[in-house]
Amino acid sequence: MRLHDCLSVPALAVASIALAASASADALKPASFLLFAEFDNTPGNMTFLTLTNVNADSQAGAIDVHLVYIDASNCHQSDRIVHLTARDTDTFVAKFHVPTIARGYAYAWAQDPILHQSVDFDFLIGTDLRVDGVNAGDYSFPAVPFQALTGPGNPTDVNHNGRPDLDGVEYEKAHNHFFMPRFFGQSPPPIAHGQFASDLVLLQPLVNQGVTTTAGFLIYNDNEEVFSGQLVFQCWTRVPLLSISGAFAQVFLAASNQNPNEVEGAPFIESGWFDASGVTASSSQGTTASPPIFGVLIETKPHTAAELPFVDNP
């Protein structure tokens, strides 16, 4: 492993919890394309990204990985090439690569180290570690894998547009629908001891600059009662659940037709789950329906944790 930065890591909370869930009901698999849903270079925060090549062929197992950071503020990209030999791993501080970008997401895909073209190489795995000095905690989640579909060693740029496409032809198709199995009832700031606050990271993968995405939410309490919400964003965003809908609030859920016996063992805590879908993506070129979206639930109070969603079939 090579660490590219020697900056000091912000203090970690002793009581912090780092949880990660599978991106789907299937086990995570090595892939040719990896999506890192968040990096944060703002003061007091640090993000470690890891790329690992699990190919064991000492003669033909080396690969170049094209790494792209996306700036949340304008959707501009910054590119890096990382060379991995067989069984190699590389961990880097995102701020070392892109010191002028505050926040956003990143993705990486395999390229032939000699021909410099995108290639089917399902041997990449990765992880995303966020150290949150502001909230005195940390959390980690795996990079989301998309396997290539053109056959081992074959070029993946089928439409010759010079970029990877999560379209079900070059790589597995990006999903436009996901589920979060649980959230706790949210409290507004200031957050008292033992109360819950969570953010949602939401992005439209590989979206172009100038596209406005609308995501729709169905929010269920612990007794199958459903409420709705909507969020409009560009490129990438991270927002408190309460800014999406008041239906996430502890006081709202407690007043709904909820199950008074749940959470079992702690019935004073309200809980629910939610369903998110891409509704439209609009730009100067027009509007398309059901755009791909992806989200990560980040729990900031009373402890830090991160949860990847379950995804519907694309």
C-alpha atoms as a PDB file:
ATOM      1  CA  MET A   1       0.000   0.000   0.000  1.00  0.00           C
ATOM      2  CA  ARG A   2       1.266   3.518  -0.814  1.00  0.00           C
ATOM      3  CA  LEU A   3      -0.063   6.491   1.105  1.00  0.00           C
ATOM      4  CA  HIS A   4       0.299   9.662  -0.951  1.00  0.00           C
ATOM      5  CA  ASP A   5      -0.151  12.152   1.865  1.00  0.00           C
ATOM      6  CA  CYS A   6       1.276  12.559   5.327  1.00  0.00           C
ATOM      7  CA  LEU A   7      -1.326  15.025   6.621  1.00  0.00           C
ATOM      8  CA  SER A   8      -2.445  14.381  10.191  1.00  0.00           C
ATOM      9  CA  VAL A   9      -5.791  12.622  10.538  1.00  0.00           C
ATOM     10  CA  PRO A  10      -8.439  14.538  12.512  1.00  0.00           C
ATOM     11  CA  ALA A  11      -9.257  13.095  15.919  1.00  0.00           C
ATOM     12  CA  LEU A  12     -11.552  10.088  15.820  1.00  0.00           C
ATOM     13  CA  ALA A  13     -14.433   9.689  18.224  1.00  0.00           C
ATOM     14  CA  VAL A  14     -13.844   6.729  20.517  1.00  0.00           C
ATOM     15  CA  ALA A  15     -17.533   5.910  20.428  1.00  0.00           C
ATOM     16  CA  SER A  16     -17.924   6.283  16.665  1.00  0.00           C
ATOM     17  CA  ILE A  17     -19.346   3.421  14.668  1.00  0.00           C
ATOM     18  CA  ALA A  18     -18.287   2.598  11.097  1.00  0.00           C
ATOM     19  CA  LEU A  19     -20.859   0.426   9.384  1.00  0.00           C
ATOM     20  CA  ALA A  20     -21.053  -0.631   5.749  1.00  0.00           C
ATOM     21  CA  ALA A  21     -23.784  -2.523   3.959  1.00  0.00           C
ATOM     22  CA  SER A  22     -23.702  -4.316   0.662  1.00  0.00           C
ATOM     23  CA  ALA A  23     -24.671  -2.243  -2.359  1.00  0.00           C
ATOM     24  CA  SER A  24     -27.140  -4.934  -3.395  1.00  0.00           C
ATOM     25  CA  ALA A  25     -28.616  -8.187  -2.235  1.00  0.00           C
ATOM     26  CA  ASP A  26     -25.745  -9.956  -4.009  1.00  0.00           C
ATOM     27  CA  ALA A  27     -22.246 -10.013  -2.563  1.00  0.00           C
ATOM     28  CA  LEU A  28     -19.904  -7.310  -3.792  1.00  0.00           C
ATOM     29  CA  LYS A  29     -17.805  -8.482  -6.722  1.00  0.00           C
ATOM     30  CA  PRO A  30     -14.519  -7.288  -8.228  1.00  0.00           C
ATOM     31  CA  ALA A  31     -15.280  -5.159 -11.257  1.00  0.00           C
ATOM     32  CA  SER A  32     -13.867  -2.976 -14.025  1.00  0.00           C
ATOM     33  CA  PHE A  33     -15.620   0.219 -12.855  1.00  0.00           C
ATOM     34  CA  LEU A  34     -15.853   1.504  -9.270  1.00  0.00           C
ATOM     35  CA  LEU A  35     -18.026   4.332  -7.927  1.00  0.00           C
ATOM     36  CA  PHE A  36     -16.873   6.221  -4.817  1.00  0.00           C
ATOM     37  CA  ALA A  37     -19.999   8.034  -3.659  1.00  0.00           C
ATOM     38  CA  GLU A  38     -18.374  10.751  -1.550  1.00  0.00           C
ATOM     39  CA  PHE A  39     -15.170  12.610  -0.816  1.00  0.00           C
ATOM     40  CA  ASP A  40     -14.840  15.666   1.417  1.00  0.00           C
ATOM     41  CA  ASN A  41     -11.800  17.943   1.481  1.00  0.00           C
ATOM     42  CA  THR A  42     -13.349  20.736   3.554  1.00  0.00           C
ATOM     43  CA  PRO A  43     -11.500  21.944   6.681  1.00  0.00           C
ATOM     44  CA  GLY A  44     -11.550  19.362   9.458  1.00  0.00           C
ATOM     45  CA  ASN A  45     -12.384  16.482   7.112  1.00  0.00           C
ATOM     46  CA  MET A  46     -10.320  13.921   5.235  1.00  0.00           C
ATOM     47  CA  THR A  47     -11.147  11.171   2.758  1.00  0.00           C
ATOM     48  CA  PHE A  48      -9.040   8.090   2.058  1.00  0.00           C
ATOM     49  CA  LEU A  49      -9.809   6.228  -1.166  1.00  0.00           C
ATOM     50  CA  THR A  50      -8.362   2.786  -1.873  1.00  0.00           C
ATOM     51  CA  LEU A  51      -7.947   0.959  -5.186  1.00  0.00           C
ATOM     52  CA  THR A  52      -6.841  -2.691  -5.117  1.00  0.00           C
ATOM     53  CA  ASN A  53      -6.067  -5.081  -7.973  1.00  0.00           C
ATOM     54  CA  VAL A  54      -6.878  -8.688  -7.003  1.00  0.00           C
ATOM     55  CA  ASN A  55      -5.507 -10.160 -10.240  1.00  0.00           C
ATOM     56  CA  ALA A  56      -2.741 -12.629  -9.307  1.00  0.00           C
ATOM     57  CA  ASP A  57      -1.125 -12.986 -12.766  1.00  0.00           C
ATOM     58  CA  SER A  58       2.425 -11.654 -12.288  1.00  0.00           C
ATOM     59  CA  GLN A  59       2.952 -11.517 -16.068  1.00  0.00           C
ATOM     60  CA  ALA A  60      -0.318 -10.013 -17.342  1.00  0.00           C
ATOM     61  CA  GLY A  61      -2.079  -8.778 -14.218  1.00  0.00           C
ATOM     62  CA  ALA A  62      -0.983  -5.127 -14.243  1.00  0.00           C
ATOM     63  CA  ILE A  63      -3.565  -2.467 -15.067  1.00  0.00           C
ATOM     64  CA  ASP A  64      -3.925   1.299 -15.323  1.00  0.00           C
ATOM     65  CA  VAL A  65      -6.897   2.770 -13.473  1.00  0.00           C
ATOM     66  CA  HIS A  66      -8.368   6.030 -14.744  1.00  0.00           C
ATOM     67  CA  LEU A  67      -9.572   7.910 -11.669  1.00  0.00           C
ATOM     68  CA  VAL A  68     -11.943  10.876 -12.010  1.00  0.00           C
ATOM     69  CA  TYR A  69     -12.966  13.289  -9.250  1.00  0.00           C
ATOM     70  CA  ILE A  70     -16.228  15.177  -9.805  1.00  0.00           C
ATOM     71  CA  ASP A  71     -16.626  18.627  -8.249  1.00  0.00           C
ATOM     72  CA  ALA A  72     -20.049  18.871  -6.598  1.00  0.00           C
ATOM     73  CA  SER A  73     -20.215  22.629  -7.146  1.00  0.00           C
ATOM     74  CA  ASN A  74     -20.059  22.564 -10.944  1.00  0.00           C
ATOM     75  CA  CYS A  75     -19.710  18.924 -12.086  1.00  0.00           C
ATOM     76  CA  HIS A  76     -16.222  19.607 -13.497  1.00  0.00           C
ATOM     77  CA  GLN A  77     -13.846  16.658 -13.448  1.00  0.00           C
ATOM     78  CA  SER A  78     -10.197  16.166 -12.529  1.00  0.00           C
ATOM     79  CA  ASP A  79      -8.381  13.083 -13.852  1.00  0.00           C
ATOM     80  CA  ARG A  80      -5.575  10.881 -12.523  1.00  0.00           C
ATOM     81  CA  ILE A  81      -4.013   7.637 -13.738  1.00  0.00           C
ATOM     82  CA  VAL A  82      -3.068   5.060 -11.097  1.00  0.00           C
ATOM     83  CA  HIS A  83      -0.914   2.102 -12.142  1.00  0.00           C
ATOM     84  CA  LEU A  84      -1.483  -1.145 -10.229  1.00  0.00           C
ATOM     85  CA  THR A  85       0.657  -4.228 -10.638  1.00  0.00           C
ATOM     86  CA  ALA A  86      -0.769  -7.678  -9.884  1.00  0.00           C
ATOM     87  CA  ARG A  87      -2.080  -7.880  -6.286  1.00  0.00           C
ATOM     88  CA  ASP A  88      -1.197  -4.209  -5.785  1.00  0.00           C
ATOM     89  CA  THR A  89      -3.124  -1.702  -3.664  1.00  0.00           C
ATOM     90  CA  ASP A  90      -2.983   2.079  -3.565  1.00  0.00           C
ATOM     91  CA  THR A  91      -4.526   4.276  -0.865  1.00  0.00           C
ATOM     92  CA  PHE A  92      -4.534   8.042  -1.236  1.00  0.00           C
ATOM     93  CA  VAL A  93      -5.877  11.129   0.457  1.00  0.00           C
ATOM     94  CA  ALA A  94      -8.334  12.769  -1.934  1.00  0.00           C
ATOM     95  CA  LYS A  95      -7.105  16.257  -1.036  1.00  0.00           C
ATOM     96  CA  PHE A  96      -3.599  15.299  -2.202  1.00  0.00           C
ATOM     97  CA  HIS A  97      -5.019  14.617  -5.673  1.00  0.00           C
ATOM     98  CA  VAL A  98      -7.528  17.488  -5.855  1.00  0.00           C
ATOM     99  CA  PRO A  99      -6.698  20.156  -3.259  1.00  0.00           C
ATOM    100  CA  THR A 100      -8.945  22.758  -4.930  1.00  0.00           C
ATOM    101  CA  ILE A 101     -12.116  20.642  -4.949  1.00  0.00           C
ATOM    102  CA  ALA A 102     -14.108  20.775  -1.723  1.00  0.00           C
ATOM    103  CA  ARG A 103     -16.583  17.921  -2.111  1.00  0.00           C
ATOM    104  CA  GLY A 104     -18.068  15.510  -4.596  1.00  0.00           C
ATOM    105  CA  TYR A 105     -17.759  11.941  -5.784  1.00  0.00           C
ATOM    106  CA  ALA A 106     -15.235   9.899  -7.753  1.00  0.00           C
ATOM    107  CA  TYR A 107     -15.179   6.955 -10.116  1.00  0.00           C
ATOM    108  CA  ALA A 108     -12.473   4.751 -11.585  1.00  0.00           C
ATOM    109  CA  TRP A 109     -12.238   2.259 -14.421  1.00  0.00           C
ATOM    110  CA  ALA A 110      -9.686  -0.126 -15.870  1.00  0.00           C
ATOM    111  CA  GLN A 111      -7.529   0.817 -18.866  1.00  0.00           C
ATOM    112  CA  ASP A 112      -4.984  -1.213 -20.771  1.00  0.00           C
ATOM    113  CA  PRO A 113      -1.541   0.057 -19.619  1.00  0.00           C
ATOM    114  CA  ILE A 114      -0.078  -0.280 -23.121  1.00  0.00           C
ATOM    115  CA  LEU A 115      -2.948   0.619 -25.463  1.00  0.00           C
ATOM    116  CA  HIS A 116      -4.491   3.127 -23.010  1.00  0.00           C
ATOM    117  CA  GLN A 117      -8.025   2.057 -23.869  1.00  0.00           C
ATOM    118  CA  SER A 118     -10.830   1.057 -21.545  1.00  0.00           C
ATOM    119  CA  VAL A 119     -10.855  -2.685 -21.025  1.00  0.00           C
ATOM    120  CA  ASP A 120     -12.885  -5.454 -19.392  1.00  0.00           C
ATOM    121  CA  PHE A 121     -10.822  -6.219 -16.271  1.00  0.00           C
ATOM    122  CA  ASP A 122     -13.053  -7.389 -13.433  1.00  0.00           C
ATOM    123  CA  PHE A 123     -10.353  -7.433 -10.767  1.00  0.00           C
ATOM    124  CA  LEU A 124     -10.769  -4.026  -9.121  1.00  0.00           C
ATOM    125  CA  ILE A 125     -12.062  -3.504  -5.577  1.00  0.00           C
ATOM    126  CA  GLY A 126     -12.025  -0.377  -3.437  1.00  0.00           C
ATOM    127  CA  THR A 127     -13.207   1.411  -0.334  1.00  0.00           C
ATOM    128  CA  ASP A 128     -14.016   4.927   0.838  1.00  0.00           C
ATOM    129  CA  LEU A 129     -13.054   6.080   4.362  1.00  0.00           C
ATOM    130  CA  ARG A 130     -14.306   9.459   5.576  1.00  0.00           C
ATOM    131  CA  VAL A 131     -12.734  10.944   8.690  1.00  0.00           C
ATOM    132  CA  ASP A 132     -15.116  13.582  10.016  1.00  0.00           C
ATOM    133  CA  GLY A 133     -13.268  15.922  12.342  1.00  0.00           C
ATOM    134  CA  VAL A 134     -16.252  18.276  12.584  1.00  0.00           C
ATOM    135  CA  ASN A 135     -18.549  15.661  14.137  1.00  0.00           C
ATOM    136  CA  ALA A 136     -15.655  13.743  15.730  1.00  0.00           C
ATOM    137  CA  GLY A 137     -16.294  10.449  13.988  1.00  0.00           C
ATOM    138  CA  ASP A 138     -15.542   8.340  10.949  1.00  0.00           C
ATOM    139  CA  TYR A 139     -17.344   5.997   8.603  1.00  0.00           C
ATOM    140  CA  SER A 140     -16.460   3.734   5.713  1.00  0.00           C
ATOM    141  CA  PHE A 141     -18.264   2.070   2.832  1.00  0.00           C
ATOM    142  CA  PRO A 142     -17.115   0.034  -0.158  1.00  0.00           C
ATOM    143  CA  ALA A 143     -16.785   1.397  -3.655  1.00  0.00           C
ATOM    144  CA  VAL A 144     -19.793   0.321  -5.711  1.00  0.00           C
ATOM    145  CA  PRO A 145     -18.703  -2.131  -8.429  1.00  0.00           C
ATOM    146  CA  PHE A 146     -19.972  -2.298 -12.014  1.00  0.00           C
ATOM    147  CA  GLN A 147     -18.631  -5.240 -13.984  1.00  0.00           C
ATOM    148  CA  ALA A 148     -17.736  -4.888 -17.653  1.00  0.00           C
ATOM    149  CA  LEU A 149     -19.882  -6.728 -20.208  1.00  0.00           C
ATOM    150  CA  THR A 150     -17.688  -7.057 -23.298  1.00  0.00           C
ATOM    151  CA  GLY A 151     -15.687 -10.119 -22.215  1.00  0.00           C
ATOM    152  CA  PRO A 152     -12.356 -10.441 -20.361  1.00  0.00           C
ATOM    153  CA  GLY A 153      -9.616  -8.361 -21.963  1.00  0.00           C
ATOM    154  CA  ASN A 154     -11.884  -6.822 -24.595  1.00  0.00           C
ATOM    155  CA  PRO A 155     -12.272  -3.057 -25.103  1.00  0.00           C
ATOM    156  CA  THR A 156     -15.348  -1.605 -23.389  1.00  0.00           C
ATOM    157  CA  ASP A 157     -15.826   1.675 -25.271  1.00  0.00           C
ATOM    158  CA  VAL A 158     -18.412   0.187 -27.595  1.00  0.00           C
ATOM    159  CA  ASN A 159     -19.826   3.507 -28.804  1.00  0.00           C
ATOM    160  CA  HIS A 160     -16.366   5.130 -29.096  1.00  0.00           C
ATOM    161  CA  ASN A 161     -17.323   8.204 -27.080  1.00  0.00           C
ATOM    162  CA  GLY A 162     -14.139   8.080 -25.001  1.00  0.00           C
ATOM    163  CA  ARG A 163     -15.849   7.560 -21.661  1.00  0.00           C
ATOM    164  CA  PRO A 164     -17.326   4.658 -19.679  1.00  0.00           C
ATOM    165  CA  ASP A 165     -21.078   4.169 -19.923  1.00  0.00           C
ATOM    166  CA  LEU A 166     -23.142   2.423 -17.244  1.00  0.00           C
ATOM    167  CA  ASP A 167     -25.677   1.452 -19.887  1.00  0.00           C
ATOM    168  CA  GLY A 168     -25.931  -2.336 -19.732  1.00  0.00           C
ATOM    169  CA  VAL A 169     -23.741  -2.642 -22.835  1.00  0.00           C
ATOM    170  CA  GLU A 170     -20.273  -1.495 -21.762  1.00  0.00           C
ATOM    171  CA  TYR A 171     -20.751  -1.953 -18.010  1.00  0.00           C
ATOM    172  CA  GLU A 172     -23.587  -3.049 -15.778  1.00  0.00           C
ATOM    173  CA  LYS A 173     -26.426  -0.557 -15.938  1.00  0.00           C
ATOM    174  CA  ALA A 174     -26.730   2.141 -13.277  1.00  0.00           C
ATOM    175  CA  HIS A 175     -29.919   1.896 -11.227  1.00  0.00           C
ATOM    176  CA  ASN A 176     -32.637   4.527 -11.001  1.00  0.00           C
ATOM    177  CA  HIS A 177     -34.304   3.106  -7.899  1.00  0.00           C
ATOM    178  CA  PHE A 178     -32.970   2.221  -4.460  1.00  0.00           C
ATOM    179  CA  PHE A 179     -34.166   1.306  -0.976  1.00  0.00           C
ATOM    180  CA  MET A 180     -32.876   2.234   2.479  1.00  0.00           C
ATOM    181  CA  PRO A 181     -34.088  -0.421   4.931  1.00  0.00           C
ATOM    182  CA  ARG A 182     -34.096   1.814   7.993  1.00  0.00           C
ATOM    183  CA  PHE A 183     -33.851   5.365   9.264  1.00  0.00           C
ATOM    184  CA  PHE A 184     -34.437   6.673  12.783  1.00  0.00           C
ATOM    185  CA  GLY A 185     -36.776   9.554  13.562  1.00  0.00           C
ATOM    186  CA  GLN A 186     -34.883  12.801  12.988  1.00  0.00           C
ATOM    187  CA  SER A 187     -34.530  15.757  15.339  1.00  0.00           C
ATOM    188  CA  PRO A 188     -33.829  19.349  14.281  1.00  0.00           C
ATOM    189  CA  PRO A 189     -30.746  21.173  15.563  1.00  0.00           C
ATOM    190  CA  PRO A 190     -29.536  21.675  18.188  1.00  0.00           C
ATOM    191  CA  ILE A 191     -29.332  17.902  18.557  1.00  0.00           C
ATOM    192  CA  ALA A 192     -29.704  16.793  22.158  1.00  0.00           C
ATOM    193  CA  HIS A 193     -27.905  13.758  23.568  1.00  0.00           C
ATOM    194  CA  GLY A 194     -29.416  10.542  22.217  1.00  0.00           C
ATOM    195  CA  GLN A 195     -31.319  12.194  19.362  1.00  0.00           C
ATOM    196  CA  PHE A 196     -30.775  11.255  15.728  1.00  0.00           C
ATOM    197  CA  ALA A 197     -29.658  13.256  12.713  1.00  0.00           C
ATOM    198  CA  SER A 198     -28.809  11.813   9.301  1.00  0.00           C
ATOM    199  CA  ASP A 199     -27.770  13.116   5.879  1.00  0.00           C
ATOM    200  CA  LEU A 200     -28.362  11.633   2.458  1.00  0.00           C
ATOM    201  CA  VAL A 201     -25.640  11.723  -0.184  1.00  0.00           C
ATOM    202  CA  LEU A 202     -27.380  11.696  -3.559  1.00  0.00           C
ATOM    203  CA  LEU A 203     -25.901  11.753  -7.058  1.00  0.00           C
ATOM    204  CA  GLN A 204     -26.636  11.015 -10.658  1.00  0.00           C
ATOM    205  CA  PRO A 205     -23.608   8.947 -11.779  1.00  0.00           C
ATOM    206  CA  LEU A 206     -21.645  10.271 -14.778  1.00  0.00           C
ATOM    207  CA  VAL A 207     -24.116  13.106 -15.358  1.00  0.00           C
ATOM    208  CA  ASN A 208     -23.014  16.017 -17.545  1.00  0.00           C
ATOM    209  CA  GLN A 209     -22.709  19.587 -16.359  1.00  0.00           C
ATOM    210  CA  GLY A 210     -25.946  21.602 -16.434  1.00  0.00           C
ATOM    211  CA  VAL A 211     -28.330  18.725 -15.724  1.00  0.00           C
ATOM    212  CA  THR A 212     -30.950  19.142 -12.999  1.00  0.00           C
ATOM    213  CA  THR A 213     -32.158  15.884 -11.479  1.00  0.00           C
ATOM    214  CA  THR A 214     -35.401  15.366  -9.586  1.00  0.00           C
ATOM    215  CA  ALA A 215     -35.575  12.444  -7.161  1.00  0.00           C
ATOM    216  CA  GLY A 216     -38.817  11.213  -5.625  1.00  0.00           C
ATOM    217  CA  PHE A 217     -39.156   9.571  -2.208  1.00  0.00           C
ATOM    218  CA  LEU A 218     -41.695   7.272  -0.596  1.00  0.00           C
ATOM    219  CA  ILE A 219     -41.204   7.338   3.173  1.00  0.00           C
ATOM    220  CA  TYR A 220     -42.723   4.602   5.321  1.00  0.00           C
ATOM    221  CA  ASN A 221     -43.227   4.646   9.073  1.00  0.00           C
ATOM    222  CA  ASP A 222     -42.971   1.460  11.160  1.00  0.00           C
ATOM    223  CA  ASN A 223     -46.614   0.585  10.472  1.00  0.00           C
ATOM    224  CA  GLU A 224     -46.695   0.655   6.630  1.00  0.00           C
ATOM    225  CA  GLU A 225     -48.079   4.202   6.430  1.00  0.00           C
ATOM    226  CA  VAL A 226     -46.511   6.029   3.489  1.00  0.00           C
ATOM    227  CA  PHE A 227     -45.599   9.682   2.891  1.00  0.00           C
ATOM    228  CA  SER A 228     -43.784  11.394   0.032  1.00  0.00           C
ATOM    229  CA  GLY A 229     -40.960  13.811  -0.607  1.00  0.00           C
ATOM    230  CA  GLN A 230     -38.894  15.256  -3.439  1.00  0.00           C
ATOM    231  CA  LEU A 231     -35.392  16.612  -3.915  1.00  0.00           C
ATOM    232  CA  VAL A 232     -34.023  18.599  -6.858  1.00  0.00           C
ATOM    233  CA  PHE A 233     -30.249  18.729  -7.273  1.00  0.00           C
ATOM    234  CA  GLN A 234     -27.426  19.047  -9.768  1.00  0.00           C
ATOM    235  CA  CYS A 235     -24.585  16.531 -10.051  1.00  0.00           C
ATOM    236  CA  TRP A 236     -24.071  15.622  -6.351  1.00  0.00           C
ATOM    237  CA  THR A 237     -25.528  16.751  -3.069  1.00  0.00           C
ATOM    238  CA  ARG A 238     -25.526  15.929   0.624  1.00  0.00           C
ATOM    239  CA  VAL A 239     -28.570  17.095   2.575  1.00  0.00           C
ATOM    240  CA  PRO A 240     -30.210  16.404   5.963  1.00  0.00           C
ATOM    241  CA  LEU A 241     -33.164  14.020   5.734  1.00  0.00           C
ATOM    242  CA  LEU A 242     -35.371  16.711   7.264  1.00  0.00           C
ATOM    243  CA  SER A 243     -34.680  18.981   4.267  1.00  0.00           C
ATOM    244  CA  ILE A 244     -36.216  16.337   1.993  1.00  0.00           C
ATOM    245  CA  SER A 245     -39.411  15.831   3.984  1.00  0.00           C
ATOM    246  CA  GLY A 246     -40.828  16.461   7.444  1.00  0.00           C
ATOM    247  CA  ALA A 247     -42.015  12.853   7.348  1.00  0.00           C
ATOM    248  CA  PHE A 248     -38.520  11.865   8.517  1.00  0.00           C
ATOM    249  CA  ALA A 249     -39.018  13.744  11.814  1.00  0.00           C
ATOM    250  CA  GLN A 250     -39.302  11.960  15.156  1.00  0.00           C
ATOM    251  CA  VAL A 251     -42.254  14.146  16.218  1.00  0.00           C
ATOM    252  CA  PHE A 252     -44.095  13.577  12.938  1.00  0.00           C
ATOM    253  CA  LEU A 253     -43.624   9.817  13.042  1.00  0.00           C
ATOM    254  CA  ALA A 254     -44.713   9.677  16.697  1.00  0.00           C
ATOM    255  CA  ALA A 255     -47.966  11.423  15.753  1.00  0.00           C
ATOM    256  CA  SER A 256     -48.617   9.175  12.740  1.00  0.00           C
ATOM    257  CA  ASN A 257     -50.419   5.839  12.735  1.00  0.00           C
ATOM    258  CA  GLN A 258     -47.268   4.151  13.975  1.00  0.00           C
ATOM    259  CA  ASN A 259     -46.585   0.939  15.870  1.00  0.00           C
ATOM    260  CA  PRO A 260     -46.157   1.882  19.560  1.00  0.00           C
ATOM    261  CA  ASN A 261     -44.127  -1.296  20.217  1.00  0.00           C
ATOM    262  CA  GLU A 262     -41.357  -0.482  17.714  1.00  0.00           C
ATOM    263  CA  VAL A 263     -38.390  -0.031  17.780  1.00  0.00           C
ATOM    264  CA  GLU A 264     -38.538  -3.300  19.750  1.00  0.00           C
ATOM    265  CA  GLY A 265     -36.567  -2.853  22.941  1.00  0.00           C
ATOM    266  CA  ALA A 266     -36.524   0.948  22.476  1.00  0.00           C
ATOM    267  CA  PRO A 267     -40.100   1.991  21.581  1.00  0.00           C
ATOM    268  CA  PHE A 268     -39.374   5.655  22.347  1.00  0.00           C
ATOM    269  CA  ILE A 269     -37.321   5.769  19.101  1.00  0.00           C
ATOM    270  CA  GLU A 270     -39.332   6.091  15.896  1.00  0.00           C
ATOM    271  CA  SER A 271     -38.076   4.406  12.732  1.00  0.00           C
ATOM    272  CA  GLY A 272     -39.020   3.795   9.127  1.00  0.00           C
ATOM    273  CA  TRP A 273     -37.617   3.054   5.702  1.00  0.00           C
ATOM    274  CA  PHE A 274     -37.615   4.825   2.355  1.00  0.00           C
ATOM    275  CA  ASP A 275     -37.708   4.224  -1.369  1.00  0.00           C
ATOM    276  CA  ALA A 276     -35.961   6.661  -3.775  1.00  0.00           C
ATOM    277  CA  SER A 277     -36.320   6.930  -7.559  1.00  0.00           C
ATOM    278  CA  GLY A 278     -34.952   9.112 -10.311  1.00  0.00           C
ATOM    279  CA  VAL A 279     -37.949  11.027 -11.721  1.00  0.00           C
ATOM    280  CA  THR A 280     -36.531  13.375 -14.366  1.00  0.00           C
ATOM    281  CA  ALA A 281     -33.237  14.843 -15.562  1.00  0.00           C
ATOM    282  CA  SER A 282     -33.536  18.199 -17.343  1.00  0.00           C
ATOM    283  CA  SER A 283     -31.050  20.288 -19.303  1.00  0.00           C
ATOM    284  CA  SER A 284     -30.945  22.599 -22.309  1.00  0.00           C
ATOM    285  CA  GLN A 285     -31.120  19.438 -24.403  1.00  0.00           C
ATOM    286  CA  GLY A 286     -34.500  18.449 -22.985  1.00  0.00           C
ATOM    287  CA  THR A 287     -35.895  16.215 -20.264  1.00  0.00           C
ATOM    288  CA  THR A 288     -35.471  12.482 -19.789  1.00  0.00           C
ATOM    289  CA  ALA A 289     -37.463  10.251 -17.470  1.00  0.00           C
ATOM    290  CA  SER A 290     -36.134   7.788 -14.883  1.00  0.00           C
ATOM    291  CA  PRO A 291     -32.500   8.924 -14.742  1.00  0.00           C
ATOM    292  CA  PRO A 292     -30.048   6.830 -12.709  1.00  0.00           C
ATOM    293  CA  ILE A 293     -29.483   7.914  -9.112  1.00  0.00           C
ATOM    294  CA  PHE A 294     -27.484   6.567  -6.203  1.00  0.00           C
ATOM    295  CA  GLY A 295     -27.476   7.379  -2.508  1.00  0.00           C
ATOM    296  CA  VAL A 296     -25.657   6.779   0.768  1.00  0.00           C
ATOM    297  CA  LEU A 297     -27.268   7.314   4.177  1.00  0.00           C
ATOM    298  CA  ILE A 298     -24.867   9.048   6.576  1.00  0.00           C
ATOM    299  CA  GLU A 299     -25.820   9.050  10.239  1.00  0.00           C
ATOM    300  CA  THR A 300     -24.128  11.924  12.079  1.00  0.00           C
ATOM    301  CA  LYS A 301     -25.824  11.819  15.502  1.00  0.00           C
ATOM    302  CA  PRO A 302     -25.591  10.305  18.065  1.00  0.00           C
ATOM    303  CA  HIS A 303     -22.839   8.252  16.326  1.00  0.00           C
ATOM    304  CA  THR A 304     -21.411   8.224  12.821  1.00  0.00           C
ATOM    305  CA  ALA A 305     -22.248   5.435  10.387  1.00  0.00           C
ATOM    306  CA  ALA A 306     -22.791   4.949   6.658  1.00  0.00           C
ATOM    307  CA  GLU A 307     -25.173   2.659   4.805  1.00  0.00           C
ATOM    308  CA  LEU A 308     -25.263   1.834   1.114  1.00  0.00           C
ATOM    309  CA  PRO A 309     -28.705   1.090  -0.343  1.00  0.00           C
ATOM    310  CA  PHE A 310     -30.271  -1.990  -1.805  1.00  0.00           C
ATOM    311  CA  VAL A 311     -30.976  -1.464  -5.490  1.00  0.00           C
ATOM    312  CA  ASP A 312     -33.810  -2.495  -7.756  1.00  0.00           C
ATOM    313  CA  ASN A 313     -33.200  -4.230 -11.073  1.00  0.00           C
ATOM    314  CA  PRO A 314     -32.228  -1.599 -13.673  1.00  0.00           C
END
